[in-house]
C-alpha atoms as a PDB file:
ATOM      1  CA  UNK A   1      -0.641 -20.959   7.491  1.00  0.00           C
ATOM      2  CA  UNK A   2      -3.537 -18.830   6.305  1.00  0.00           C
ATOM      3  CA  UNK A   3      -6.730 -20.610   7.306  1.00  0.00           C
ATOM      4  CA  UNK A   4     -10.395 -19.881   6.611  1.00  0.00           C
ATOM      5  CA  UNK A   5     -10.847 -18.002   9.884  1.00  0.00           C
ATOM      6  CA  UNK A   6      -7.912 -15.671   9.096  1.00  0.00           C
ATOM      7  CA  UNK A   7      -9.324 -15.004   5.618  1.00  0.00           C
ATOM      8  CA  UNK A   8     -12.737 -14.240   7.104  1.00  0.00           C
ATOM      9  CA  UNK A   9     -11.285 -11.868   9.740  1.00  0.00           C
ATOM     10  CA  UNK A  10      -9.130 -10.077   7.162  1.00  0.00           C
ATOM     11  CA  UNK A  11     -12.120  -9.739   4.798  1.00  0.00           C
ATOM     12  CA  UNK A  12     -14.265  -8.260   7.575  1.00  0.00           C
ATOM     13  CA  UNK A  13     -11.475  -5.829   8.538  1.00  0.00           C
ATOM     14  CA  UNK A  14     -10.750  -4.829   4.918  1.00  0.00           C
ATOM     15  CA  UNK A  15     -14.414  -4.667   3.881  1.00  0.00           C
ATOM     16  CA  UNK A  16     -14.297  -7.061   0.938  1.00  0.00           C
ATOM     17  CA  UNK A  17     -12.293  -9.885  -0.583  1.00  0.00           C
ATOM     18  CA  UNK A  18     -10.111  -8.804  -3.502  1.00  0.00           C
ATOM     19  CA  UNK A  19      -6.852  -9.849  -5.178  1.00  0.00           C
ATOM     20  CA  UNK A  20      -4.901  -7.283  -3.113  1.00  0.00           C
ATOM     21  CA  UNK A  21      -6.162  -8.807   0.107  1.00  0.00           C
ATOM     22  CA  UNK A  22      -5.186 -12.274  -0.999  1.00  0.00           C
ATOM     23  CA  UNK A  23      -1.687 -11.010  -1.889  1.00  0.00           C
ATOM     24  CA  UNK A  24      -1.428  -9.260   1.489  1.00  0.00           C
ATOM     25  CA  UNK A  25      -2.441 -12.397   3.355  1.00  0.00           C
ATOM     26  CA  UNK A  26       0.172 -14.418   1.520  1.00  0.00           C
ATOM     27  CA  UNK A  27       2.831 -11.745   2.148  1.00  0.00           C
ATOM     28  CA  UNK A  28       1.979 -11.795   5.839  1.00  0.00           C
ATOM     29  CA  UNK A  29       2.251 -15.597   5.881  1.00  0.00           C
ATOM     30  CA  UNK A  30       5.712 -15.475   4.314  1.00  0.00           C
ATOM     31  CA  UNK A  31       6.847 -12.634   6.639  1.00  0.00           C
ATOM     32  CA  UNK A  32       5.736 -14.463   9.755  1.00  0.00           C
ATOM     33  CA  UNK A  33       7.506 -17.598   8.597  1.00  0.00           C
ATOM     34  CA  UNK A  34      10.697 -15.583   8.061  1.00  0.00           C
ATOM     35  CA  UNK A  35      10.678 -13.666  11.371  1.00  0.00           C
ATOM     36  CA  UNK A  36       9.705 -16.707  13.362  1.00  0.00           C
ATOM     37  CA  UNK A  37       7.405 -17.082  16.355  1.00  0.00           C
ATOM     38  CA  UNK A  38       6.567 -14.132  18.579  1.00  0.00           C
ATOM     39  CA  UNK A  39       5.121 -13.858  22.062  1.00  0.00           C
ATOM     40  CA  UNK A  40       1.337 -14.142  22.259  1.00  0.00           C
ATOM     41  CA  UNK A  41       1.143 -10.801  24.063  1.00  0.00           C
ATOM     42  CA  UNK A  42       2.948  -9.021  21.209  1.00  0.00           C
ATOM     43  CA  UNK A  43       1.073  -7.521  18.288  1.00  0.00           C
ATOM     44  CA  UNK A  44       2.654  -7.860  14.876  1.00  0.00           C
ATOM     45  CA  UNK A  45       1.482  -5.189  12.411  1.00  0.00           C
ATOM     46  CA  UNK A  46       2.355  -5.052   8.733  1.00  0.00           C
ATOM     47  CA  UNK A  47       1.315  -2.651   6.021  1.00  0.00           C
ATOM     48  CA  UNK A  48       1.384  -4.278   2.590  1.00  0.00           C
ATOM     49  CA  UNK A  49       0.790  -2.194  -0.509  1.00  0.00           C
ATOM     50  CA  UNK A  50       0.486  -3.178  -4.116  1.00  0.00           C
ATOM     51  CA  UNK A  51       0.466  -1.149  -7.278  1.00  0.00           C
ATOM     52  CA  UNK A  52      -2.724  -2.714  -8.641  1.00  0.00           C
END
């Protein structure tokens, strides 16, 4: 689940909050739900692009 801390961290990384960031966070949430849990020492990286 996307929580306030995750939104804050993503906003700081991206530089600003925008609709594309919100869509990307939601896409990441769905993707992680679909692929299931992963080891804490693994890094999951996703690149999400929109045509906005």
